């Protein structure tokens, strides 16, 4: 592992991090459009720093960053929490559609390699059981939510109404075209982050774009379902690359190199944003 780290081409690693921040900046611009439609103007820097803080907090508790993003704008731009959070949910819905599109295209192109891997990693019987339990719990929860007159459920219904307004904003906003353009920029930036990351290590520099897409999709899922992909990201990347003849040691090293550099950047940018937010907004 130590020898692999010594062989890293830091120029490509730097390019990888540049495209990572390009996607984050584009996400900050995209967020302005849905907020503006709801009648709440926001600044690029507040959006960018809120997103940076959100990525930092996602390293602690999964998906807590979405809550912090809305809380930051509520504090500094006076945007109601439920409206801001609703726009974030709308973004996540669009991002989920793009991620699913990447998954479908990648599985279609690499089906022969992936079918055995997927069947090994996901026990179908357990997955069906978990989905069944969650469906039952969701049905009971929805029934209580929309029929009970307890103050708690009434309060939750009121907040959900605000969230729905934020979610629907994406389909009604006058800036739909730039919103979609920035969405493409975000995901292209993610892919290029991964692509240039593979070029940073000699053992992975020659893999095809198809293999890169497979590793990108698996890495994205590992990050989405864990606290920033800690441990899971390098492990899953190594297992996927092993299907294409990359040794487990090299694949693990590549996963740790990419995850470590990205995480360090998230920590630095998130920490700076946390400190600079009150400075930038000191007149408020």
C-alpha atoms as a PDB file:
ATOM      1  CA  UNK A   1       0.000   0.000   0.000  1.00  0.00           C
ATOM      2  CA  UNK A   2       2.826   2.385   0.876  1.00  0.00           C
ATOM      3  CA  UNK A   3       4.501   1.780  -2.489  1.00  0.00           C
ATOM      4  CA  UNK A   4       1.262   2.563  -4.335  1.00  0.00           C
ATOM      5  CA  UNK A   5       0.939   5.866  -2.510  1.00  0.00           C
ATOM      6  CA  UNK A   6       4.484   6.761  -3.577  1.00  0.00           C
ATOM      7  CA  UNK A   7       3.613   6.229  -7.246  1.00  0.00           C
ATOM      8  CA  UNK A   8       0.715   8.701  -7.292  1.00  0.00           C
ATOM      9  CA  UNK A   9       0.712  11.293 -10.077  1.00  0.00           C
ATOM     10  CA  UNK A  10      -0.335  14.364  -8.115  1.00  0.00           C
ATOM     11  CA  UNK A  11      -1.087  16.396 -11.232  1.00  0.00           C
ATOM     12  CA  UNK A  12      -4.016  14.111 -12.118  1.00  0.00           C
ATOM     13  CA  UNK A  13      -5.022  13.969  -8.478  1.00  0.00           C
ATOM     14  CA  UNK A  14      -5.120  17.778  -8.436  1.00  0.00           C
ATOM     15  CA  UNK A  15      -7.290  17.793 -11.589  1.00  0.00           C
ATOM     16  CA  UNK A  16      -9.604  15.313  -9.906  1.00  0.00           C
ATOM     17  CA  UNK A  17     -10.080  17.648  -6.931  1.00  0.00           C
ATOM     18  CA  UNK A  18     -10.572  20.668  -9.230  1.00  0.00           C
ATOM     19  CA  UNK A  19     -13.502  18.988 -10.981  1.00  0.00           C
ATOM     20  CA  UNK A  20     -14.894  17.965  -7.605  1.00  0.00           C
ATOM     21  CA  UNK A  21     -15.050  21.624  -6.541  1.00  0.00           C
ATOM     22  CA  UNK A  22     -16.447  22.635  -9.958  1.00  0.00           C
ATOM     23  CA  UNK A  23     -19.377  20.304  -9.328  1.00  0.00           C
ATOM     24  CA  UNK A  24     -19.844  21.791  -5.840  1.00  0.00           C
ATOM     25  CA  UNK A  25     -19.796  25.348  -7.243  1.00  0.00           C
ATOM     26  CA  UNK A  26     -22.317  24.385  -9.903  1.00  0.00           C
ATOM     27  CA  UNK A  27     -24.523  22.900  -7.178  1.00  0.00           C
ATOM     28  CA  UNK A  28     -24.413  26.257  -5.364  1.00  0.00           C
ATOM     29  CA  UNK A  29     -25.484  28.091  -8.542  1.00  0.00           C
ATOM     30  CA  UNK A  30     -28.237  25.545  -9.222  1.00  0.00           C
ATOM     31  CA  UNK A  31     -29.669  25.975  -5.723  1.00  0.00           C
ATOM     32  CA  UNK A  32     -30.199  29.701  -6.339  1.00  0.00           C
ATOM     33  CA  UNK A  33     -32.809  29.028  -9.044  1.00  0.00           C
ATOM     34  CA  UNK A  34     -35.225  26.965  -6.946  1.00  0.00           C
ATOM     35  CA  UNK A  35     -34.854  29.357  -3.988  1.00  0.00           C
ATOM     36  CA  UNK A  36     -35.432  32.361  -6.231  1.00  0.00           C
ATOM     37  CA  UNK A  37     -38.620  30.836  -7.606  1.00  0.00           C
ATOM     38  CA  UNK A  38     -39.974  30.639  -4.060  1.00  0.00           C
ATOM     39  CA  UNK A  39     -39.190  34.330  -3.631  1.00  0.00           C
ATOM     40  CA  UNK A  40     -36.070  33.972  -1.499  1.00  0.00           C
ATOM     41  CA  UNK A  41     -32.904  35.401  -3.098  1.00  0.00           C
ATOM     42  CA  UNK A  42     -29.657  33.911  -1.881  1.00  0.00           C
ATOM     43  CA  UNK A  43     -26.000  34.636  -2.558  1.00  0.00           C
ATOM     44  CA  UNK A  44     -23.630  32.238  -4.298  1.00  0.00           C
ATOM     45  CA  UNK A  45     -21.098  32.322  -1.453  1.00  0.00           C
ATOM     46  CA  UNK A  46     -23.666  31.563   1.230  1.00  0.00           C
ATOM     47  CA  UNK A  47     -24.951  28.688  -0.890  1.00  0.00           C
ATOM     48  CA  UNK A  48     -21.441  27.408  -1.560  1.00  0.00           C
ATOM     49  CA  UNK A  49     -20.400  27.578   2.087  1.00  0.00           C
ATOM     50  CA  UNK A  50     -23.660  25.995   3.233  1.00  0.00           C
ATOM     51  CA  UNK A  51     -23.021  23.114   0.820  1.00  0.00           C
ATOM     52  CA  UNK A  52     -19.421  22.799   2.037  1.00  0.00           C
ATOM     53  CA  UNK A  53     -20.582  22.628   5.661  1.00  0.00           C
ATOM     54  CA  UNK A  54     -23.190  20.069   4.597  1.00  0.00           C
ATOM     55  CA  UNK A  55     -20.586  17.793   3.023  1.00  0.00           C
ATOM     56  CA  UNK A  56     -18.521  18.067   6.189  1.00  0.00           C
ATOM     57  CA  UNK A  57     -21.421  17.069   8.435  1.00  0.00           C
ATOM     58  CA  UNK A  58     -22.296  14.146   6.156  1.00  0.00           C
ATOM     59  CA  UNK A  59     -19.015  12.610   7.316  1.00  0.00           C
ATOM     60  CA  UNK A  60     -20.509  12.323  10.808  1.00  0.00           C
ATOM     61  CA  UNK A  61     -24.187  11.427  10.393  1.00  0.00           C
ATOM     62  CA  UNK A  62     -25.393  10.351   6.918  1.00  0.00           C
ATOM     63  CA  UNK A  63     -27.659  12.955   5.247  1.00  0.00           C
ATOM     64  CA  UNK A  64     -27.310  15.412   8.155  1.00  0.00           C
ATOM     65  CA  UNK A  65     -25.718  17.802   5.672  1.00  0.00           C
ATOM     66  CA  UNK A  66     -29.076  18.422   4.004  1.00  0.00           C
ATOM     67  CA  UNK A  67     -30.492  19.655   7.301  1.00  0.00           C
ATOM     68  CA  UNK A  68     -27.494  21.878   7.955  1.00  0.00           C
ATOM     69  CA  UNK A  69     -27.726  23.455   4.473  1.00  0.00           C
ATOM     70  CA  UNK A  70     -31.269  24.605   5.139  1.00  0.00           C
ATOM     71  CA  UNK A  71     -30.324  25.735   8.656  1.00  0.00           C
ATOM     72  CA  UNK A  72     -27.415  27.853   7.372  1.00  0.00           C
ATOM     73  CA  UNK A  73     -29.609  29.726   4.891  1.00  0.00           C
ATOM     74  CA  UNK A  74     -32.291  30.179   7.525  1.00  0.00           C
ATOM     75  CA  UNK A  75     -29.721  31.848   9.761  1.00  0.00           C
ATOM     76  CA  UNK A  76     -27.901  34.027   7.224  1.00  0.00           C
ATOM     77  CA  UNK A  77     -30.418  34.618   4.409  1.00  0.00           C
ATOM     78  CA  UNK A  78     -33.622  34.362   6.488  1.00  0.00           C
ATOM     79  CA  UNK A  79     -35.031  31.608   4.269  1.00  0.00           C
ATOM     80  CA  UNK A  80     -37.619  29.476   6.139  1.00  0.00           C
ATOM     81  CA  UNK A  81     -36.158  26.099   6.994  1.00  0.00           C
ATOM     82  CA  UNK A  82     -38.973  24.022   5.502  1.00  0.00           C
ATOM     83  CA  UNK A  83     -38.884  25.934   2.192  1.00  0.00           C
ATOM     84  CA  UNK A  84     -35.105  25.662   1.923  1.00  0.00           C
ATOM     85  CA  UNK A  85     -35.163  21.992   2.879  1.00  0.00           C
ATOM     86  CA  UNK A  86     -37.892  21.394   0.301  1.00  0.00           C
ATOM     87  CA  UNK A  87     -35.658  22.730  -2.474  1.00  0.00           C
ATOM     88  CA  UNK A  88     -32.869  20.432  -1.263  1.00  0.00           C
ATOM     89  CA  UNK A  89     -35.246  17.457  -1.455  1.00  0.00           C
ATOM     90  CA  UNK A  90     -36.142  18.531  -5.000  1.00  0.00           C
ATOM     91  CA  UNK A  91     -32.442  18.576  -5.884  1.00  0.00           C
ATOM     92  CA  UNK A  92     -31.964  15.138  -4.405  1.00  0.00           C
ATOM     93  CA  UNK A  93     -34.859  13.777  -6.464  1.00  0.00           C
ATOM     94  CA  UNK A  94     -33.254  15.064  -9.666  1.00  0.00           C
ATOM     95  CA  UNK A  95     -29.837  13.754  -8.584  1.00  0.00           C
ATOM     96  CA  UNK A  96     -31.384  10.377  -7.817  1.00  0.00           C
ATOM     97  CA  UNK A  97     -32.819  10.252 -11.340  1.00  0.00           C
ATOM     98  CA  UNK A  98     -29.373  10.987 -12.795  1.00  0.00           C
ATOM     99  CA  UNK A  99     -27.716   8.393 -10.554  1.00  0.00           C
ATOM    100  CA  UNK A 100     -30.288   5.766 -11.575  1.00  0.00           C
ATOM    101  CA  UNK A 101     -29.665   6.655 -15.227  1.00  0.00           C
ATOM    102  CA  UNK A 102     -25.930   6.081 -14.691  1.00  0.00           C
ATOM    103  CA  UNK A 103     -26.687   2.781 -12.955  1.00  0.00           C
ATOM    104  CA  UNK A 104     -28.951   1.562 -15.777  1.00  0.00           C
ATOM    105  CA  UNK A 105     -26.531   2.539 -18.548  1.00  0.00           C
ATOM    106  CA  UNK A 106     -23.562   1.055 -16.688  1.00  0.00           C
ATOM    107  CA  UNK A 107     -25.318  -2.232 -15.902  1.00  0.00           C
ATOM    108  CA  UNK A 108     -26.487  -2.502 -19.524  1.00  0.00           C
ATOM    109  CA  UNK A 109     -22.957  -1.975 -20.852  1.00  0.00           C
ATOM    110  CA  UNK A 110     -21.193  -4.154 -18.256  1.00  0.00           C
ATOM    111  CA  UNK A 111     -23.934  -6.691 -17.500  1.00  0.00           C
ATOM    112  CA  UNK A 112     -21.798  -9.832 -17.815  1.00  0.00           C
ATOM    113  CA  UNK A 113     -19.275  -8.539 -15.288  1.00  0.00           C
ATOM    114  CA  UNK A 114     -21.731  -7.058 -12.824  1.00  0.00           C
ATOM    115  CA  UNK A 115     -24.500  -9.629 -12.471  1.00  0.00           C
ATOM    116  CA  UNK A 116     -22.381 -12.027 -10.397  1.00  0.00           C
ATOM    117  CA  UNK A 117     -20.958  -9.191  -8.305  1.00  0.00           C
ATOM    118  CA  UNK A 118     -24.414  -7.777  -7.520  1.00  0.00           C
ATOM    119  CA  UNK A 119     -25.835 -11.165  -6.572  1.00  0.00           C
ATOM    120  CA  UNK A 120     -22.919 -11.730  -4.168  1.00  0.00           C
ATOM    121  CA  UNK A 121     -23.131  -8.317  -2.489  1.00  0.00           C
ATOM    122  CA  UNK A 122     -26.924  -8.065  -2.095  1.00  0.00           C
ATOM    123  CA  UNK A 123     -28.739 -11.063  -0.558  1.00  0.00           C
ATOM    124  CA  UNK A 124     -32.086 -10.885  -2.345  1.00  0.00           C
ATOM    125  CA  UNK A 125     -34.133 -12.648   0.367  1.00  0.00           C
ATOM    126  CA  UNK A 126     -32.940 -10.275   3.094  1.00  0.00           C
ATOM    127  CA  UNK A 127     -33.507  -7.282   0.838  1.00  0.00           C
ATOM    128  CA  UNK A 128     -37.117  -8.343   0.171  1.00  0.00           C
ATOM    129  CA  UNK A 129     -37.731  -8.851   3.911  1.00  0.00           C
ATOM    130  CA  UNK A 130     -36.337  -5.403   4.786  1.00  0.00           C
ATOM    131  CA  UNK A 131     -38.359  -3.712   2.031  1.00  0.00           C
ATOM    132  CA  UNK A 132     -41.505  -5.466   3.269  1.00  0.00           C
ATOM    133  CA  UNK A 133     -41.004  -4.281   6.853  1.00  0.00           C
ATOM    134  CA  UNK A 134     -40.241  -0.728   5.719  1.00  0.00           C
ATOM    135  CA  UNK A 135     -43.339  -0.686   3.497  1.00  0.00           C
ATOM    136  CA  UNK A 136     -45.536  -1.785   6.409  1.00  0.00           C
ATOM    137  CA  UNK A 137     -44.048   0.828   8.740  1.00  0.00           C
ATOM    138  CA  UNK A 138     -44.455   3.517   6.063  1.00  0.00           C
ATOM    139  CA  UNK A 139     -48.126   2.604   5.546  1.00  0.00           C
ATOM    140  CA  UNK A 140     -48.864   2.812   9.290  1.00  0.00           C
ATOM    141  CA  UNK A 141     -46.948   6.091   9.579  1.00  0.00           C
ATOM    142  CA  UNK A 142     -48.789   7.685   6.633  1.00  0.00           C
ATOM    143  CA  UNK A 143     -52.161   6.616   8.014  1.00  0.00           C
ATOM    144  CA  UNK A 144     -51.431   8.222  11.387  1.00  0.00           C
ATOM    145  CA  UNK A 145     -49.945  11.301   9.751  1.00  0.00           C
ATOM    146  CA  UNK A 146     -52.981  12.110   7.636  1.00  0.00           C
ATOM    147  CA  UNK A 147     -55.752  11.048  10.052  1.00  0.00           C
ATOM    148  CA  UNK A 148     -54.522  11.889  13.557  1.00  0.00           C
ATOM    149  CA  UNK A 149     -55.383  15.284  15.100  1.00  0.00           C
ATOM    150  CA  UNK A 150     -52.619  15.156  17.686  1.00  0.00           C
ATOM    151  CA  UNK A 151     -50.560  18.360  17.762  1.00  0.00           C
ATOM    152  CA  UNK A 152     -47.410  16.508  16.724  1.00  0.00           C
ATOM    153  CA  UNK A 153     -48.967  15.105  13.562  1.00  0.00           C
ATOM    154  CA  UNK A 154     -50.646  18.418  12.735  1.00  0.00           C
ATOM    155  CA  UNK A 155     -47.280  20.153  13.093  1.00  0.00           C
ATOM    156  CA  UNK A 156     -45.624  17.565  10.835  1.00  0.00           C
ATOM    157  CA  UNK A 157     -48.383  17.985   8.209  1.00  0.00           C
ATOM    158  CA  UNK A 158     -47.769  21.739   8.175  1.00  0.00           C
ATOM    159  CA  UNK A 159     -44.041  21.245   7.656  1.00  0.00           C
ATOM    160  CA  UNK A 160     -44.662  18.680   4.918  1.00  0.00           C
ATOM    161  CA  UNK A 161     -46.784  21.225   3.057  1.00  0.00           C
ATOM    162  CA  UNK A 162     -43.780  23.565   3.005  1.00  0.00           C
ATOM    163  CA  UNK A 163     -41.541  20.758   1.806  1.00  0.00           C
ATOM    164  CA  UNK A 164     -43.951  19.877  -1.008  1.00  0.00           C
ATOM    165  CA  UNK A 165     -43.961  23.493  -2.174  1.00  0.00           C
ATOM    166  CA  UNK A 166     -40.181  23.436  -2.321  1.00  0.00           C
ATOM    167  CA  UNK A 167     -40.113  20.126  -4.214  1.00  0.00           C
ATOM    168  CA  UNK A 168     -42.646  21.295  -6.791  1.00  0.00           C
ATOM    169  CA  UNK A 169     -40.679  24.482  -7.399  1.00  0.00           C
ATOM    170  CA  UNK A 170     -38.314  22.706  -9.771  1.00  0.00           C
ATOM    171  CA  UNK A 171     -41.138  21.859 -12.182  1.00  0.00           C
ATOM    172  CA  UNK A 172     -42.595  25.365 -12.193  1.00  0.00           C
ATOM    173  CA  UNK A 173     -39.553  27.634 -12.011  1.00  0.00           C
ATOM    174  CA  UNK A 174     -38.780  29.913 -14.981  1.00  0.00           C
ATOM    175  CA  UNK A 175     -35.109  28.887 -14.817  1.00  0.00           C
ATOM    176  CA  UNK A 176     -35.645  25.207 -15.582  1.00  0.00           C
ATOM    177  CA  UNK A 177     -33.107  25.162 -18.436  1.00  0.00           C
ATOM    178  CA  UNK A 178     -30.109  26.538 -16.474  1.00  0.00           C
ATOM    179  CA  UNK A 179     -31.124  24.294 -13.563  1.00  0.00           C
ATOM    180  CA  UNK A 180     -30.851  21.218 -15.790  1.00  0.00           C
ATOM    181  CA  UNK A 181     -27.616  22.499 -17.381  1.00  0.00           C
ATOM    182  CA  UNK A 182     -26.028  22.864 -13.959  1.00  0.00           C
ATOM    183  CA  UNK A 183     -27.260  19.384 -13.074  1.00  0.00           C
ATOM    184  CA  UNK A 184     -25.372  18.005 -16.067  1.00  0.00           C
ATOM    185  CA  UNK A 185     -22.291  19.998 -15.054  1.00  0.00           C
ATOM    186  CA  UNK A 186     -22.514  18.565 -11.534  1.00  0.00           C
ATOM    187  CA  UNK A 187     -22.608  14.966 -12.726  1.00  0.00           C
ATOM    188  CA  UNK A 188     -20.032  15.448 -15.465  1.00  0.00           C
ATOM    189  CA  UNK A 189     -17.801  16.974 -12.796  1.00  0.00           C
ATOM    190  CA  UNK A 190     -18.319  13.903 -10.592  1.00  0.00           C
ATOM    191  CA  UNK A 191     -17.413  11.551 -13.437  1.00  0.00           C
ATOM    192  CA  UNK A 192     -14.315  13.586 -14.348  1.00  0.00           C
ATOM    193  CA  UNK A 193     -13.321  13.585 -10.676  1.00  0.00           C
ATOM    194  CA  UNK A 194     -13.286   9.815 -10.805  1.00  0.00           C
ATOM    195  CA  UNK A 195     -11.752   9.621 -14.290  1.00  0.00           C
ATOM    196  CA  UNK A 196      -8.736  11.770 -13.457  1.00  0.00           C
ATOM    197  CA  UNK A 197      -8.453   9.924 -10.152  1.00  0.00           C
ATOM    198  CA  UNK A 198      -7.886   6.665 -12.050  1.00  0.00           C
ATOM    199  CA  UNK A 199      -5.135   8.361 -14.077  1.00  0.00           C
ATOM    200  CA  UNK A 200      -3.276   9.255 -10.888  1.00  0.00           C
ATOM    201  CA  UNK A 201      -2.201   5.656 -10.242  1.00  0.00           C
ATOM    202  CA  UNK A 202      -0.216   3.665 -12.851  1.00  0.00           C
ATOM    203  CA  UNK A 203      -2.078   0.427 -12.052  1.00  0.00           C
ATOM    204  CA  UNK A 204      -5.476   2.006 -12.875  1.00  0.00           C
ATOM    205  CA  UNK A 205      -4.458   4.557 -15.504  1.00  0.00           C
ATOM    206  CA  UNK A 206      -5.242   2.251 -18.454  1.00  0.00           C
ATOM    207  CA  UNK A 207      -8.732   1.102 -17.480  1.00  0.00           C
ATOM    208  CA  UNK A 208     -11.476   1.881 -19.982  1.00  0.00           C
ATOM    209  CA  UNK A 209     -14.220   4.463 -19.591  1.00  0.00           C
ATOM    210  CA  UNK A 210     -16.725   1.634 -19.103  1.00  0.00           C
ATOM    211  CA  UNK A 211     -14.788   0.283 -16.125  1.00  0.00           C
ATOM    212  CA  UNK A 212     -14.421   3.817 -14.781  1.00  0.00           C
ATOM    213  CA  UNK A 213     -18.205   4.236 -14.969  1.00  0.00           C
ATOM    214  CA  UNK A 214     -18.743   0.994 -13.061  1.00  0.00           C
ATOM    215  CA  UNK A 215     -16.364   2.092 -10.312  1.00  0.00           C
ATOM    216  CA  UNK A 216     -17.957   5.551 -10.265  1.00  0.00           C
ATOM    217  CA  UNK A 217     -21.476   4.153  -9.798  1.00  0.00           C
ATOM    218  CA  UNK A 218     -20.397   1.744  -7.051  1.00  0.00           C
ATOM    219  CA  UNK A 219     -18.407   4.496  -5.330  1.00  0.00           C
ATOM    220  CA  UNK A 220     -21.387   6.886  -5.508  1.00  0.00           C
ATOM    221  CA  UNK A 221     -23.661   4.283  -3.924  1.00  0.00           C
ATOM    222  CA  UNK A 222     -21.093   3.574  -1.199  1.00  0.00           C
ATOM    223  CA  UNK A 223     -20.923   7.287  -0.340  1.00  0.00           C
ATOM    224  CA  UNK A 224     -24.715   7.736  -0.507  1.00  0.00           C
ATOM    225  CA  UNK A 225     -25.496   4.970   1.990  1.00  0.00           C
ATOM    226  CA  UNK A 226     -22.697   5.579   4.490  1.00  0.00           C
ATOM    227  CA  UNK A 227     -21.214   8.526   6.349  1.00  0.00           C
ATOM    228  CA  UNK A 228     -19.097   9.808   3.475  1.00  0.00           C
ATOM    229  CA  UNK A 229     -18.070   6.355   2.275  1.00  0.00           C
ATOM    230  CA  UNK A 230     -15.684   5.737   5.187  1.00  0.00           C
ATOM    231  CA  UNK A 231     -14.291   2.220   4.817  1.00  0.00           C
ATOM    232  CA  UNK A 232     -17.002   1.178   2.345  1.00  0.00           C
ATOM    233  CA  UNK A 233     -15.718   3.267  -0.577  1.00  0.00           C
ATOM    234  CA  UNK A 234     -12.203   1.719  -0.870  1.00  0.00           C
ATOM    235  CA  UNK A 235     -13.571  -1.772  -0.189  1.00  0.00           C
ATOM    236  CA  UNK A 236     -16.271  -1.628  -2.862  1.00  0.00           C
ATOM    237  CA  UNK A 237     -13.954   0.013  -5.398  1.00  0.00           C
ATOM    238  CA  UNK A 238     -11.339  -2.701  -4.860  1.00  0.00           C
ATOM    239  CA  UNK A 239     -13.904  -5.485  -5.334  1.00  0.00           C
ATOM    240  CA  UNK A 240     -15.247  -3.945  -8.529  1.00  0.00           C
ATOM    241  CA  UNK A 241     -11.824  -3.326 -10.057  1.00  0.00           C
ATOM    242  CA  UNK A 242     -10.854  -6.912  -9.195  1.00  0.00           C
ATOM    243  CA  UNK A 243     -13.488  -8.044 -11.714  1.00  0.00           C
ATOM    244  CA  UNK A 244     -11.387  -6.386 -14.409  1.00  0.00           C
ATOM    245  CA  UNK A 245      -8.019  -7.779 -13.409  1.00  0.00           C
ATOM    246  CA  UNK A 246      -6.845  -5.035 -11.023  1.00  0.00           C
ATOM    247  CA  UNK A 247      -5.275  -6.558  -7.905  1.00  0.00           C
ATOM    248  CA  UNK A 248      -7.128  -6.082  -4.634  1.00  0.00           C
ATOM    249  CA  UNK A 249      -4.132  -4.269  -3.175  1.00  0.00           C
ATOM    250  CA  UNK A 250      -3.957  -1.801  -6.068  1.00  0.00           C
ATOM    251  CA  UNK A 251      -7.736  -1.334  -6.083  1.00  0.00           C
ATOM    252  CA  UNK A 252      -7.798  -0.750  -2.345  1.00  0.00           C
ATOM    253  CA  UNK A 253      -4.930   1.709  -2.600  1.00  0.00           C
ATOM    254  CA  UNK A 254      -6.705   3.582  -5.383  1.00  0.00           C
ATOM    255  CA  UNK A 255      -9.915   3.725  -3.328  1.00  0.00           C
ATOM    256  CA  UNK A 256      -8.102   5.047  -0.263  1.00  0.00           C
ATOM    257  CA  UNK A 257      -6.118   7.607  -2.292  1.00  0.00           C
ATOM    258  CA  UNK A 258      -9.247   8.994  -3.926  1.00  0.00           C
ATOM    259  CA  UNK A 259     -11.325   8.899  -0.741  1.00  0.00           C
ATOM    260  CA  UNK A 260      -8.594  10.407   1.458  1.00  0.00           C
ATOM    261  CA  UNK A 261      -7.850  13.372  -0.813  1.00  0.00           C
ATOM    262  CA  UNK A 262     -11.530  14.142  -1.369  1.00  0.00           C
ATOM    263  CA  UNK A 263     -12.287  13.837   2.331  1.00  0.00           C
ATOM    264  CA  UNK A 264      -9.389  16.120   3.269  1.00  0.00           C
ATOM    265  CA  UNK A 265     -10.704  18.718   0.822  1.00  0.00           C
ATOM    266  CA  UNK A 266     -14.208  18.385   2.267  1.00  0.00           C
ATOM    267  CA  UNK A 267     -12.874  18.830   5.808  1.00  0.00           C
ATOM    268  CA  UNK A 268     -10.774  21.867   4.873  1.00  0.00           C
ATOM    269  CA  UNK A 269     -13.493  23.587   2.813  1.00  0.00           C
ATOM    270  CA  UNK A 270     -16.207  22.721   5.322  1.00  0.00           C
ATOM    271  CA  UNK A 271     -14.156  23.983   8.246  1.00  0.00           C
ATOM    272  CA  UNK A 272     -13.247  27.219   6.469  1.00  0.00           C
ATOM    273  CA  UNK A 273     -16.856  27.767   5.448  1.00  0.00           C
ATOM    274  CA  UNK A 274     -18.028  27.228   9.005  1.00  0.00           C
ATOM    275  CA  UNK A 275     -15.597  29.889  10.187  1.00  0.00           C
ATOM    276  CA  UNK A 276     -16.140  32.333   7.311  1.00  0.00           C
ATOM    277  CA  UNK A 277     -19.954  32.314   7.232  1.00  0.00           C
ATOM    278  CA  UNK A 278     -20.326  34.749  10.187  1.00  0.00           C
ATOM    279  CA  UNK A 279     -17.483  36.880   8.794  1.00  0.00           C
ATOM    280  CA  UNK A 280     -18.983  37.187   5.304  1.00  0.00           C
ATOM    281  CA  UNK A 281     -22.395  37.934   6.819  1.00  0.00           C
ATOM    282  CA  UNK A 282     -21.219  40.183   9.663  1.00  0.00           C
ATOM    283  CA  UNK A 283     -23.406  43.090   8.472  1.00  0.00           C
ATOM    284  CA  UNK A 284     -26.493  40.953   9.039  1.00  0.00           C
END
